[in-house]
Amino acid sequence: MKGILWCNGVLPSDSVIDRALRDGVPIFGVDGGADKANSMGFEVSEALGDMDSIDESSCCLLYTSDA
């Protein structure tokens, strides 16, 4: 199974994003990366991380761990 971890950093070029997403693989937003992907119109399957830099109202599923 393939998936994309969308982080909250500098974005790669549009061609890199298009190539990674053309196969319909799920996007997992890592903290603020979930907001970044959502704001660009991409559907985030799940948000991962400690949620210290994410707008919780914009995500579909949040999972946190005390570990």
Protein backbone atom coordinates (compact mmCIF):
# COMPACT_ATOMS: atom_id res chain seq x y z
CA MET A 1 0.00 0.00 0.00
CA LYS A 2 1.21 3.47 -0.83
CA GLY A 3 0.44 6.65 1.04
CA ILE A 4 1.64 10.23 1.22
CA LEU A 5 2.82 11.92 4.39
CA TRP A 6 2.04 15.60 3.86
CA CYS A 7 4.21 17.62 6.22
CA ASN A 8 4.08 21.29 7.16
CA GLY A 9 7.17 22.41 5.29
CA VAL A 10 8.17 23.84 1.95
CA LEU A 11 6.14 22.30 -0.87
CA PRO A 12 7.77 20.52 -3.79
CA SER A 13 6.93 21.61 -7.33
CA ASP A 14 3.43 21.06 -8.74
CA SER A 15 4.74 18.31 -11.03
CA VAL A 16 6.09 16.35 -8.06
CA ILE A 17 2.77 16.71 -6.21
CA ASP A 18 0.76 15.70 -9.29
CA ARG A 19 2.94 12.64 -9.90
CA ALA A 20 2.62 11.53 -6.27
CA LEU A 21 -1.16 11.99 -6.17
CA ARG A 22 -2.21 10.70 -9.59
CA ASP A 23 -2.60 7.14 -8.36
CA GLY A 24 -5.22 8.11 -5.78
CA VAL A 25 -3.12 7.13 -2.78
CA PRO A 26 -4.33 8.28 0.64
CA ILE A 27 -2.89 11.45 2.14
CA PHE A 28 -1.89 11.46 5.79
CA GLY A 29 -1.41 14.97 7.12
CA VAL A 30 1.37 15.33 9.67
CA ASP A 31 0.29 18.04 12.13
CA GLY A 32 0.06 21.35 10.23
CA GLY A 33 0.59 19.47 6.97
CA ALA A 34 -3.03 18.34 7.21
CA ASP A 35 -4.14 21.99 7.14
CA LYS A 36 -1.77 22.75 4.27
CA ALA A 37 -3.10 19.86 2.15
CA ASN A 38 -6.73 20.78 2.95
CA SER A 39 -6.14 24.42 2.04
CA MET A 40 -4.82 23.30 -1.35
CA GLY A 41 -7.97 21.25 -1.98
CA PHE A 42 -6.62 17.78 -1.23
CA GLU A 43 -8.61 15.32 0.87
CA VAL A 44 -6.73 14.19 3.97
CA SER A 45 -7.51 10.63 5.06
CA GLU A 46 -6.10 11.03 8.56
CA ALA A 47 -4.06 13.48 10.59
CA LEU A 48 -1.06 12.18 12.49
CA GLY A 49 1.12 13.70 15.19
CA ASP A 50 0.85 15.49 18.50
CA MET A 51 -1.51 18.11 16.97
CA ASP A 52 0.48 21.07 18.23
CA SER A 53 0.22 22.93 14.92
CA ILE A 54 -3.10 21.87 13.42
CA ASP A 55 -6.56 23.38 13.22
CA GLU A 56 -8.58 20.46 14.61
CA SER A 57 -11.80 21.72 13.01
CA SER A 58 -10.39 21.15 9.52
CA CYS A 59 -9.60 17.45 9.86
CA CYS A 60 -11.72 14.42 9.45
CA LEU A 61 -10.03 12.14 12.00
CA LEU A 62 -7.56 12.89 14.74
CA TYR A 63 -5.50 10.39 16.66
CA THR A 64 -3.07 11.32 19.37
CA SER A 65 -0.94 9.28 21.68
CA ASP A 66 0.70 10.14 24.96
CA ALA A 67 3.69 8.04 23.90
